[in-house]
Each structure stands twice: as C-alpha cells, then as structure tokens.
Amino acid sequence: MAAMKNAMSIDVEDYFQVSAFASTIRREDWDSLPCRVERNIDVILQLLEEADANATFFTLGWIAERYPQVVRRIVDAGHELASHGYGHERVSDLTPEQFRSDITRAKHILEDLGGVSVRGYRAPSFSINQNNWWAVEELENAGYVYSSSIYPVKHDHYGMPDAPRFPNRPNGADGILELPPTTLALLGRNLPAAGGGWFRLLPYALSRWMLQRVNTQDQAPCMFYFHPWEMDAGQPRQSGLSTRTRFRHYVNLQRMPGRMKKLLNDFEWDRVDRVFLPSL
C-alpha cells in the first residue's frame, strides 16, 4: 500500500515479564516458569522472512543471558539487535545509579553475544517521562545513539501526551535521538497507532488506515512495535489478575499472527536504524 519504509520493532520479553503482571508474578520466580520466547521468536523470524522484511529486536539482557541462541538467530537473519534493558524494570522505579547499571549491563551482554554494536534502547513500558529526565543523559553516557522510550499519548501506565510525535533530540542537537512510537493526531489528541494492545483490539482496517495516514498526511515513517508473547495464544494463563489487566493482555491473541502477516505485506518494513539513522 505505501512505498515509504516504516520501522518494525519487537520488544523481546516473555509473558511473565510484562509490567502488568508484576503484582502477581514474583521476579524471583521467573526462572522456574516455562519460557516460550524461543518458540515465539522463531514464529516472528519466519513471518519476517516470508514478507522479505527486516526489524529491530529490543531485547532484554535477562533473556539474552539465558537464551543466547535467540540473539544469534536475530543477528544471523540480518535484523538489528537493540536493548530493552536487563531486567524489565520501569525507569520510574529505578534510581539513576540502578538505571545506569541496568542499561550498561544489558548493552554489554547483547554486544558480547551478538557480536554487533548495540545503538538503540527502549524503556520497559515506555517509562521515561518528565519525572525521570535524567535517564536521557544516562543513555547518552552509556553509548546509546537512539531511544524509543517516550510515547506521546495519555495512558494510565505511561506516556507524555505533550512530547513530540516525531524524531527529536531531547537534550539538544548533539544529544541522543528519540524515536517515538507512532501516533495519529486527530481531534486534538494523539491516538496510539504503533501496535501493542490497541492493534489487537481495533479492527485491522482501522489500524492500517491510521498508519497509512501518517505516511501520507504527515509524510513520516511509522514506528510499530509488538511482543513475542502477543503471537502466542497458548501461553499459560495467569490467575489473580484484574479484569482490565486480563482483557488487555489476552484480547485477540489468537488473531495476532494473521494480523501481523497482513501488516507485514501491506507496508514496507525495515530495521529502525535503516529507517531513521541512515546517515549515522
């Protein structure tokens, strides 16, 4: 549909690591839970290959340590390896020192295992905002070239609705490049159009229209994201969740593989660095 190349990104984490499950799944129990990330990454890699598309995989250091073969498959297939931090802790829950340790540890692990330079970072739950602006400088100091961590929407768990919708440098011309997930400006609001739960909830035709409108009206490439667990309707179901959390996590999981196949074929997709950083 659209000749413009858009950026496809995957946040590599497993179902038990999502922030919404933090109150029901203890971090110390992660190693004892069945991990399904390998299976789901293989599904995604196959879809990308069939569509002749490339993507950026924002990968947790925790996952990379335990499943180094996942990192190698991503790199060997020609995709970009980027950082999702080490332990999937929201930046808003960390001190500057803890955040520095997290992003540095993840970068070293990923670079050692992947044999490539890791230039990009995405904060868990898009948790960089005006209350922890120090994180931007910490990313610069840690050697990251770009971030995709500030979502310019209003949401109960994340977001900076007044943040720029398009690529910008929060700390000035020489600072790190921020690449926001895609939003559509409509009726005075920024509507999420970048993937996640909204992509599973909304009719596919509406999501496609929103992305196409950004390409044509704004003349800008889109930044889309999803998670490996969203491709896995057979994942273990969790108990003790609120109605809202249960709905958000499980809605239309069974439709996600088919929708992603359509999306990958309806638009042109490439790695984040190739779409937004061709001169760097």
C-alpha atoms as a PDB file:
ATOM      1  CA  MET A   1       0.000   0.000   0.000  1.00  0.00           C
ATOM      2  CA  ALA A   2       2.673   2.527   0.986  1.00  0.00           C
ATOM      3  CA  ALA A   3       6.026   2.988  -0.738  1.00  0.00           C
ATOM      4  CA  MET A   4       7.543   4.640   2.349  1.00  0.00           C
ATOM      5  CA  LYS A   5       9.606   2.341   4.543  1.00  0.00           C
ATOM      6  CA  ASN A   6       8.451   2.042   8.143  1.00  0.00           C
ATOM      7  CA  ALA A   7      10.279   0.709  11.196  1.00  0.00           C
ATOM      8  CA  MET A   8       9.180  -2.627  12.657  1.00  0.00           C
ATOM      9  CA  SER A   9      10.280  -3.372  16.215  1.00  0.00           C
ATOM     10  CA  ILE A  10       9.836  -6.245  18.634  1.00  0.00           C
ATOM     11  CA  ASP A  11      10.231  -5.958  22.407  1.00  0.00           C
ATOM     12  CA  VAL A  12      11.816  -9.297  23.309  1.00  0.00           C
ATOM     13  CA  GLU A  13      10.369 -10.315  26.650  1.00  0.00           C
ATOM     14  CA  ASP A  14       8.270 -13.255  27.791  1.00  0.00           C
ATOM     15  CA  TYR A  15       4.682 -13.314  29.027  1.00  0.00           C
ATOM     16  CA  PHE A  16       5.626 -13.465  32.723  1.00  0.00           C
ATOM     17  CA  GLN A  17       7.791 -10.334  32.474  1.00  0.00           C
ATOM     18  CA  VAL A  18       5.134  -7.826  31.448  1.00  0.00           C
ATOM     19  CA  SER A  19       4.801  -4.924  33.844  1.00  0.00           C
ATOM     20  CA  ALA A  20       1.085  -5.527  34.352  1.00  0.00           C
ATOM     21  CA  PHE A  21       1.869  -8.924  35.915  1.00  0.00           C
ATOM     22  CA  ALA A  22       4.394  -7.538  38.416  1.00  0.00           C
ATOM     23  CA  SER A  23       1.949  -7.731  41.319  1.00  0.00           C
ATOM     24  CA  THR A  24       1.015 -11.373  40.644  1.00  0.00           C
ATOM     25  CA  ILE A  25       4.270 -12.942  39.368  1.00  0.00           C
ATOM     26  CA  ARG A  26       7.318 -12.566  41.566  1.00  0.00           C
ATOM     27  CA  ARG A  27      10.572 -11.677  39.828  1.00  0.00           C
ATOM     28  CA  GLU A  28      12.383 -14.394  41.781  1.00  0.00           C
ATOM     29  CA  ASP A  29      10.043 -16.980  40.213  1.00  0.00           C
ATOM     30  CA  TRP A  30      10.885 -16.107  36.598  1.00  0.00           C
ATOM     31  CA  ASP A  31      13.479 -18.851  36.229  1.00  0.00           C
ATOM     32  CA  SER A  32      11.000 -21.511  37.337  1.00  0.00           C
ATOM     33  CA  LEU A  33       8.302 -20.568  34.813  1.00  0.00           C
ATOM     34  CA  PRO A  34       8.018 -22.127  31.345  1.00  0.00           C
ATOM     35  CA  CYS A  35       9.718 -19.773  28.905  1.00  0.00           C
ATOM     36  CA  ARG A  36       8.185 -19.561  25.445  1.00  0.00           C
ATOM     37  CA  VAL A  37      10.284 -16.818  23.915  1.00  0.00           C
ATOM     38  CA  GLU A  38      12.318 -19.149  21.682  1.00  0.00           C
ATOM     39  CA  ARG A  39       9.232 -20.582  20.014  1.00  0.00           C
ATOM     40  CA  ASN A  40       7.695 -17.147  19.558  1.00  0.00           C
ATOM     41  CA  ILE A  41      10.846 -15.565  18.135  1.00  0.00           C
ATOM     42  CA  ASP A  42      11.050 -18.390  15.591  1.00  0.00           C
ATOM     43  CA  VAL A  43       7.462 -17.640  14.528  1.00  0.00           C
ATOM     44  CA  ILE A  44       8.305 -13.938  14.118  1.00  0.00           C
ATOM     45  CA  LEU A  45      11.517 -14.603  12.195  1.00  0.00           C
ATOM     46  CA  GLN A  46       9.618 -16.847   9.810  1.00  0.00           C
ATOM     47  CA  LEU A  47       6.938 -14.188   9.208  1.00  0.00           C
ATOM     48  CA  LEU A  48       9.598 -11.559   8.549  1.00  0.00           C
ATOM     49  CA  GLU A  49      11.406 -13.836   6.121  1.00  0.00           C
ATOM     50  CA  GLU A  50       8.216 -14.613   4.216  1.00  0.00           C
ATOM     51  CA  ALA A  51       7.455 -10.890   3.898  1.00  0.00           C
ATOM     52  CA  ASP A  52      11.053 -10.036   2.964  1.00  0.00           C
ATOM     53  CA  ALA A  53      11.069  -7.588   5.868  1.00  0.00           C
ATOM     54  CA  ASN A  54      13.638  -6.643   8.484  1.00  0.00           C
ATOM     55  CA  ALA A  55      13.090  -5.457  12.039  1.00  0.00           C
ATOM     56  CA  THR A  56      14.753  -4.260  15.233  1.00  0.00           C
ATOM     57  CA  PHE A  57      14.610  -6.538  18.266  1.00  0.00           C
ATOM     58  CA  PHE A  58      14.749  -4.602  21.570  1.00  0.00           C
ATOM     59  CA  THR A  59      15.966  -7.499  23.687  1.00  0.00           C
ATOM     60  CA  LEU A  60      16.113  -7.966  27.445  1.00  0.00           C
ATOM     61  CA  GLY A  61      19.541  -8.808  28.815  1.00  0.00           C
ATOM     62  CA  TRP A  62      17.818 -11.346  31.094  1.00  0.00           C
ATOM     63  CA  ILE A  63      16.502 -13.190  28.044  1.00  0.00           C
ATOM     64  CA  ALA A  64      19.797 -12.937  26.159  1.00  0.00           C
ATOM     65  CA  GLU A  65      21.774 -14.457  29.044  1.00  0.00           C
ATOM     66  CA  ARG A  66      19.516 -17.491  29.246  1.00  0.00           C
ATOM     67  CA  TYR A  67      18.767 -17.915  25.546  1.00  0.00           C
ATOM     68  CA  PRO A  68      21.879 -16.754  23.661  1.00  0.00           C
ATOM     69  CA  GLN A  69      20.766 -18.734  20.613  1.00  0.00           C
ATOM     70  CA  VAL A  70      17.837 -16.323  20.267  1.00  0.00           C
ATOM     71  CA  VAL A  71      20.273 -13.430  19.937  1.00  0.00           C
ATOM     72  CA  ARG A  72      22.284 -15.298  17.316  1.00  0.00           C
ATOM     73  CA  ARG A  73      19.178 -16.137  15.260  1.00  0.00           C
ATOM     74  CA  ILE A  74      18.147 -12.479  15.246  1.00  0.00           C
ATOM     75  CA  VAL A  75      21.566 -11.237  14.156  1.00  0.00           C
ATOM     76  CA  ASP A  76      22.177 -14.033  11.652  1.00  0.00           C
ATOM     77  CA  ALA A  77      18.866 -13.237   9.943  1.00  0.00           C
ATOM     78  CA  GLY A  78      20.031  -9.662   9.314  1.00  0.00           C
ATOM     79  CA  HIS A  79      17.906  -7.881  11.899  1.00  0.00           C
ATOM     80  CA  GLU A  80      19.040  -5.123  14.246  1.00  0.00           C
ATOM     81  CA  LEU A  81      19.832  -6.056  17.839  1.00  0.00           C
ATOM     82  CA  ALA A  82      18.910  -3.365  20.373  1.00  0.00           C
ATOM     83  CA  SER A  83      18.439  -3.117  24.132  1.00  0.00           C
ATOM     84  CA  HIS A  84      15.299  -3.343  26.254  1.00  0.00           C
ATOM     85  CA  GLY A  85      17.385  -3.062  29.410  1.00  0.00           C
ATOM     86  CA  TYR A  86      18.341  -6.019  31.563  1.00  0.00           C
ATOM     87  CA  GLY A  87      15.541  -6.863  33.982  1.00  0.00           C
ATOM     88  CA  HIS A  88      12.418  -5.186  32.572  1.00  0.00           C
ATOM     89  CA  GLU A  89      12.160  -2.709  35.414  1.00  0.00           C
ATOM     90  CA  ARG A  90      10.379   0.556  34.730  1.00  0.00           C
ATOM     91  CA  VAL A  91      12.730   3.513  34.683  1.00  0.00           C
ATOM     92  CA  SER A  92      10.318   5.247  37.063  1.00  0.00           C
ATOM     93  CA  ASP A  93      11.077   2.541  39.661  1.00  0.00           C
ATOM     94  CA  LEU A  94      14.866   2.940  39.480  1.00  0.00           C
ATOM     95  CA  THR A  95      17.397   5.386  40.829  1.00  0.00           C
ATOM     96  CA  PRO A  96      19.870   6.902  38.353  1.00  0.00           C
ATOM     97  CA  GLU A  97      22.536   4.506  39.624  1.00  0.00           C
ATOM     98  CA  GLN A  98      20.275   1.462  39.216  1.00  0.00           C
ATOM     99  CA  PHE A  99      19.241   2.567  35.744  1.00  0.00           C
ATOM    100  CA  ARG A 100      22.856   3.098  34.737  1.00  0.00           C
ATOM    101  CA  SER A 101      23.711  -0.417  35.877  1.00  0.00           C
ATOM    102  CA  ASP A 102      20.717  -1.906  34.059  1.00  0.00           C
ATOM    103  CA  ILE A 103      21.340  -0.312  30.658  1.00  0.00           C
ATOM    104  CA  THR A 104      25.102  -0.839  30.778  1.00  0.00           C
ATOM    105  CA  ARG A 105      24.775  -4.483  31.782  1.00  0.00           C
ATOM    106  CA  ALA A 106      22.257  -5.163  29.008  1.00  0.00           C
ATOM    107  CA  LYS A 107      24.362  -3.438  26.358  1.00  0.00           C
ATOM    108  CA  HIS A 108      27.469  -5.433  27.246  1.00  0.00           C
ATOM    109  CA  ILE A 109      25.605  -8.766  27.278  1.00  0.00           C
ATOM    110  CA  LEU A 110      23.922  -8.148  23.934  1.00  0.00           C
ATOM    111  CA  GLU A 111      27.092  -6.940  22.227  1.00  0.00           C
ATOM    112  CA  ASP A 112      29.121  -9.862  23.541  1.00  0.00           C
ATOM    113  CA  LEU A 113      26.547 -12.427  22.413  1.00  0.00           C
ATOM    114  CA  GLY A 114      25.534 -10.772  19.157  1.00  0.00           C
ATOM    115  CA  GLY A 115      28.946  -9.611  18.019  1.00  0.00           C
ATOM    116  CA  VAL A 116      27.415  -6.308  16.882  1.00  0.00           C
ATOM    117  CA  SER A 117      27.218  -2.775  18.196  1.00  0.00           C
ATOM    118  CA  VAL A 118      24.001  -2.060  20.131  1.00  0.00           C
ATOM    119  CA  ARG A 119      22.917   1.508  19.423  1.00  0.00           C
ATOM    120  CA  GLY A 120      19.224   1.547  20.331  1.00  0.00           C
ATOM    121  CA  TYR A 121      17.262   1.323  23.577  1.00  0.00           C
ATOM    122  CA  ARG A 122      13.602   1.105  24.522  1.00  0.00           C
ATOM    123  CA  ALA A 123      12.471   1.564  28.115  1.00  0.00           C
ATOM    124  CA  PRO A 124      10.120  -1.062  29.544  1.00  0.00           C
ATOM    125  CA  SER A 125       6.562   0.278  29.402  1.00  0.00           C
ATOM    126  CA  PHE A 126       7.820   3.487  27.734  1.00  0.00           C
ATOM    127  CA  SER A 127       8.685   4.634  31.241  1.00  0.00           C
ATOM    128  CA  ILE A 128      10.848   7.688  30.517  1.00  0.00           C
ATOM    129  CA  ASN A 129       8.948  10.895  31.214  1.00  0.00           C
ATOM    130  CA  GLN A 130       9.299  14.386  32.691  1.00  0.00           C
ATOM    131  CA  ASN A 131       9.784  12.901  36.171  1.00  0.00           C
ATOM    132  CA  ASN A 132      12.944  10.976  35.281  1.00  0.00           C
ATOM    133  CA  TRP A 133      14.510  13.119  32.574  1.00  0.00           C
ATOM    134  CA  TRP A 134      17.930  12.235  33.944  1.00  0.00           C
ATOM    135  CA  ALA A 135      17.518   8.908  32.115  1.00  0.00           C
ATOM    136  CA  VAL A 136      18.089  10.623  28.761  1.00  0.00           C
ATOM    137  CA  GLU A 137      21.571  11.737  29.801  1.00  0.00           C
ATOM    138  CA  GLU A 138      22.314   8.317  31.287  1.00  0.00           C
ATOM    139  CA  LEU A 139      21.532   6.709  27.925  1.00  0.00           C
ATOM    140  CA  GLU A 140      23.867   9.139  26.174  1.00  0.00           C
ATOM    141  CA  ASN A 141      26.648   8.438  28.655  1.00  0.00           C
ATOM    142  CA  ALA A 142      26.165   4.677  28.232  1.00  0.00           C
ATOM    143  CA  GLY A 143      26.823   4.974  24.497  1.00  0.00           C
ATOM    144  CA  TYR A 144      23.338   4.610  23.080  1.00  0.00           C
ATOM    145  CA  VAL A 145      22.683   6.524  19.854  1.00  0.00           C
ATOM    146  CA  TYR A 146      18.899   6.458  19.888  1.00  0.00           C
ATOM    147  CA  SER A 147      15.978   5.674  22.161  1.00  0.00           C
ATOM    148  CA  SER A 148      12.339   4.785  21.544  1.00  0.00           C
ATOM    149  CA  SER A 149      11.073   5.269  25.071  1.00  0.00           C
ATOM    150  CA  ILE A 150       8.731   8.267  25.156  1.00  0.00           C
ATOM    151  CA  TYR A 151       5.207   7.582  23.925  1.00  0.00           C
ATOM    152  CA  PRO A 152       3.338  10.853  23.224  1.00  0.00           C
ATOM    153  CA  VAL A 153      -0.051   9.571  24.425  1.00  0.00           C
ATOM    154  CA  LYS A 154      -2.146   9.719  27.574  1.00  0.00           C
ATOM    155  CA  HIS A 155      -2.266   6.327  29.284  1.00  0.00           C
ATOM    156  CA  ASP A 156      -2.757   5.111  32.835  1.00  0.00           C
ATOM    157  CA  HIS A 157       0.650   3.380  32.904  1.00  0.00           C
ATOM    158  CA  TYR A 158       2.861   5.511  30.676  1.00  0.00           C
ATOM    159  CA  GLY A 159       3.023   8.377  28.233  1.00  0.00           C
ATOM    160  CA  MET A 160       3.859  12.047  27.743  1.00  0.00           C
ATOM    161  CA  PRO A 161       0.977  13.427  25.644  1.00  0.00           C
ATOM    162  CA  ASP A 162       2.774  16.733  25.058  1.00  0.00           C
ATOM    163  CA  ALA A 163       6.013  15.133  23.838  1.00  0.00           C
ATOM    164  CA  PRO A 164       6.951  15.453  20.137  1.00  0.00           C
ATOM    165  CA  ARG A 165       5.285  12.956  17.813  1.00  0.00           C
ATOM    166  CA  PHE A 166       8.260  12.633  15.503  1.00  0.00           C
ATOM    167  CA  PRO A 167      12.040  12.092  15.874  1.00  0.00           C
ATOM    168  CA  ASN A 168      13.656  14.668  18.136  1.00  0.00           C
ATOM    169  CA  ARG A 169      16.698  15.247  20.339  1.00  0.00           C
ATOM    170  CA  PRO A 170      15.510  15.918  23.917  1.00  0.00           C
ATOM    171  CA  ASN A 171      18.934  17.086  25.106  1.00  0.00           C
ATOM    172  CA  GLY A 172      19.776  19.289  22.147  1.00  0.00           C
ATOM    173  CA  ALA A 173      21.387  18.902  18.743  1.00  0.00           C
ATOM    174  CA  ASP A 174      24.290  16.783  19.985  1.00  0.00           C
ATOM    175  CA  GLY A 175      22.195  14.529  22.210  1.00  0.00           C
ATOM    176  CA  ILE A 176      20.529  11.155  21.783  1.00  0.00           C
ATOM    177  CA  LEU A 177      17.819  10.774  19.138  1.00  0.00           C
ATOM    178  CA  GLU A 178      14.354   9.936  20.469  1.00  0.00           C
ATOM    179  CA  LEU A 179      12.125   7.943  18.085  1.00  0.00           C
ATOM    180  CA  PRO A 180       8.575   7.924  19.458  1.00  0.00           C
ATOM    181  CA  PRO A 181       6.116   5.116  18.716  1.00  0.00           C
ATOM    182  CA  THR A 182       3.669   6.272  16.078  1.00  0.00           C
ATOM    183  CA  THR A 183       0.589   8.294  16.968  1.00  0.00           C
ATOM    184  CA  LEU A 184      -2.129   9.837  14.838  1.00  0.00           C
ATOM    185  CA  ALA A 185      -3.142  13.419  15.611  1.00  0.00           C
ATOM    186  CA  LEU A 186      -6.930  13.565  15.496  1.00  0.00           C
ATOM    187  CA  LEU A 187      -9.461  15.859  17.183  1.00  0.00           C
ATOM    188  CA  GLY A 188      -6.820  17.461  19.375  1.00  0.00           C
ATOM    189  CA  ARG A 189      -5.437  14.177  20.709  1.00  0.00           C
ATOM    190  CA  ASN A 190      -2.625  11.809  19.879  1.00  0.00           C
ATOM    191  CA  LEU A 191      -4.131   8.400  19.209  1.00  0.00           C
ATOM    192  CA  PRO A 192      -1.877   5.346  19.633  1.00  0.00           C
ATOM    193  CA  ALA A 193      -1.202   3.774  16.249  1.00  0.00           C
ATOM    194  CA  ALA A 194       2.031   1.931  16.943  1.00  0.00           C
ATOM    195  CA  GLY A 195       0.876  -1.559  17.903  1.00  0.00           C
ATOM    196  CA  GLY A 196       0.583  -3.244  21.292  1.00  0.00           C
ATOM    197  CA  GLY A 197      -2.839  -3.903  22.770  1.00  0.00           C
ATOM    198  CA  TRP A 198      -4.555  -1.326  20.579  1.00  0.00           C
ATOM    199  CA  PHE A 199      -3.511  -3.219  17.458  1.00  0.00           C
ATOM    200  CA  ARG A 200      -5.100  -6.399  18.825  1.00  0.00           C
ATOM    201  CA  LEU A 201      -8.249  -4.594  19.950  1.00  0.00           C
ATOM    202  CA  LEU A 202      -9.051  -2.362  16.974  1.00  0.00           C
ATOM    203  CA  PRO A 203     -10.263  -3.688  13.615  1.00  0.00           C
ATOM    204  CA  TYR A 204      -7.269  -4.320  11.399  1.00  0.00           C
ATOM    205  CA  ALA A 205      -8.593  -1.975   8.708  1.00  0.00           C
ATOM    206  CA  LEU A 206      -8.607   0.911  11.192  1.00  0.00           C
ATOM    207  CA  SER A 207      -5.036   0.274  12.296  1.00  0.00           C
ATOM    208  CA  ARG A 208      -3.937   0.073   8.685  1.00  0.00           C
ATOM    209  CA  TRP A 209      -5.708   3.356   7.903  1.00  0.00           C
ATOM    210  CA  MET A 210      -4.007   5.119  10.811  1.00  0.00           C
ATOM    211  CA  LEU A 211      -0.538   4.020   9.727  1.00  0.00           C
ATOM    212  CA  GLN A 212      -1.212   4.893   6.104  1.00  0.00           C
ATOM    213  CA  ARG A 213      -2.485   8.320   7.131  1.00  0.00           C
ATOM    214  CA  VAL A 214       0.771   9.064   8.986  1.00  0.00           C
ATOM    215  CA  ASN A 215       2.727   8.003   5.887  1.00  0.00           C
ATOM    216  CA  THR A 216       0.656  10.105   3.503  1.00  0.00           C
ATOM    217  CA  GLN A 217      -0.568  13.090   5.518  1.00  0.00           C
ATOM    218  CA  ASP A 218       2.451  13.587   7.776  1.00  0.00           C
ATOM    219  CA  GLN A 219       4.887  12.244   5.183  1.00  0.00           C
ATOM    220  CA  ALA A 220       6.605  10.383   8.006  1.00  0.00           C
ATOM    221  CA  PRO A 221       7.667   6.770   8.547  1.00  0.00           C
ATOM    222  CA  CYS A 222       5.898   4.835  11.297  1.00  0.00           C
ATOM    223  CA  MET A 223       7.426   3.157  14.327  1.00  0.00           C
ATOM    224  CA  PHE A 224       5.475  -0.036  15.091  1.00  0.00           C
ATOM    225  CA  TYR A 225       6.060  -2.455  17.968  1.00  0.00           C
ATOM    226  CA  PHE A 226       4.775  -5.730  19.371  1.00  0.00           C
ATOM    227  CA  HIS A 227       5.892  -8.503  21.723  1.00  0.00           C
ATOM    228  CA  PRO A 228       6.683 -12.187  21.120  1.00  0.00           C
ATOM    229  CA  TRP A 229       4.061 -13.247  23.679  1.00  0.00           C
ATOM    230  CA  GLU A 230       1.396 -11.500  21.596  1.00  0.00           C
ATOM    231  CA  MET A 231       1.943 -14.190  18.953  1.00  0.00           C
ATOM    232  CA  ASP A 232       1.225 -16.953  21.472  1.00  0.00           C
ATOM    233  CA  ALA A 233      -2.412 -17.680  22.312  1.00  0.00           C
ATOM    234  CA  GLY A 234      -1.272 -20.893  24.006  1.00  0.00           C
ATOM    235  CA  GLN A 235       0.760 -19.185  26.727  1.00  0.00           C
ATOM    236  CA  PRO A 236      -0.010 -20.174  30.350  1.00  0.00           C
ATOM    237  CA  ARG A 237      -2.974 -18.206  31.684  1.00  0.00           C
ATOM    238  CA  GLN A 238      -2.388 -16.264  34.879  1.00  0.00           C
ATOM    239  CA  SER A 239      -4.781 -16.127  37.830  1.00  0.00           C
ATOM    240  CA  GLY A 240      -5.383 -13.239  40.211  1.00  0.00           C
ATOM    241  CA  LEU A 241      -5.437 -10.575  37.512  1.00  0.00           C
ATOM    242  CA  SER A 242      -7.794  -7.626  37.468  1.00  0.00           C
ATOM    243  CA  THR A 243     -10.457  -7.634  34.788  1.00  0.00           C
ATOM    244  CA  ARG A 244      -8.721  -4.772  32.993  1.00  0.00           C
ATOM    245  CA  THR A 245      -5.306  -6.442  33.033  1.00  0.00           C
ATOM    246  CA  ARG A 246      -6.730  -9.766  31.877  1.00  0.00           C
ATOM    247  CA  PHE A 247      -8.557  -8.118  28.992  1.00  0.00           C
ATOM    248  CA  ARG A 248      -5.584  -6.024  27.899  1.00  0.00           C
ATOM    249  CA  HIS A 249      -3.180  -8.932  27.899  1.00  0.00           C
ATOM    250  CA  TYR A 250      -5.285 -11.666  26.325  1.00  0.00           C
ATOM    251  CA  VAL A 251      -7.625  -9.849  23.924  1.00  0.00           C
ATOM    252  CA  ASN A 252      -7.393 -11.252  20.392  1.00  0.00           C
ATOM    253  CA  LEU A 253      -4.098 -13.091  20.886  1.00  0.00           C
ATOM    254  CA  GLN A 254      -5.392 -15.770  18.529  1.00  0.00           C
ATOM    255  CA  ARG A 255      -5.800 -13.197  15.759  1.00  0.00           C
ATOM    256  CA  MET A 256      -2.375 -11.616  16.124  1.00  0.00           C
ATOM    257  CA  PRO A 257      -0.335 -13.895  13.794  1.00  0.00           C
ATOM    258  CA  GLY A 258      -2.790 -13.347  10.953  1.00  0.00           C
ATOM    259  CA  ARG A 259      -2.896  -9.601  11.524  1.00  0.00           C
ATOM    260  CA  MET A 260       0.881  -9.358  11.595  1.00  0.00           C
ATOM    261  CA  LYS A 261       1.121 -11.286   8.348  1.00  0.00           C
ATOM    262  CA  LYS A 262      -1.258  -8.800   6.728  1.00  0.00           C
ATOM    263  CA  LEU A 263       0.592  -5.817   8.177  1.00  0.00           C
ATOM    264  CA  LEU A 264       3.976  -7.040   7.005  1.00  0.00           C
ATOM    265  CA  ASN A 265       2.629  -7.375   3.476  1.00  0.00           C
ATOM    266  CA  ASP A 266       0.555  -4.174   3.388  1.00  0.00           C
ATOM    267  CA  PHE A 267       3.501  -1.873   4.163  1.00  0.00           C
ATOM    268  CA  GLU A 268       7.251  -1.752   3.610  1.00  0.00           C
ATOM    269  CA  TRP A 269       9.178  -2.570   6.811  1.00  0.00           C
ATOM    270  CA  ASP A 270      12.820  -2.310   7.811  1.00  0.00           C
ATOM    271  CA  ARG A 271      15.104  -2.009  10.828  1.00  0.00           C
ATOM    272  CA  VAL A 272      14.865   1.089  13.000  1.00  0.00           C
ATOM    273  CA  ASP A 273      18.451   2.117  12.265  1.00  0.00           C
ATOM    274  CA  ARG A 274      17.937   1.919   8.499  1.00  0.00           C
ATOM    275  CA  VAL A 275      14.701   3.879   8.579  1.00  0.00           C
ATOM    276  CA  PHE A 276      15.708   6.648  10.967  1.00  0.00           C
ATOM    277  CA  LEU A 277      19.516   6.681  11.109  1.00  0.00           C
ATOM    278  CA  PRO A 278      20.734   6.176   7.537  1.00  0.00           C
ATOM    279  CA  SER A 279      23.426   8.844   7.873  1.00  0.00           C
ATOM    280  CA  LEU A 280      24.764   7.770  11.263  1.00  0.00           C
END
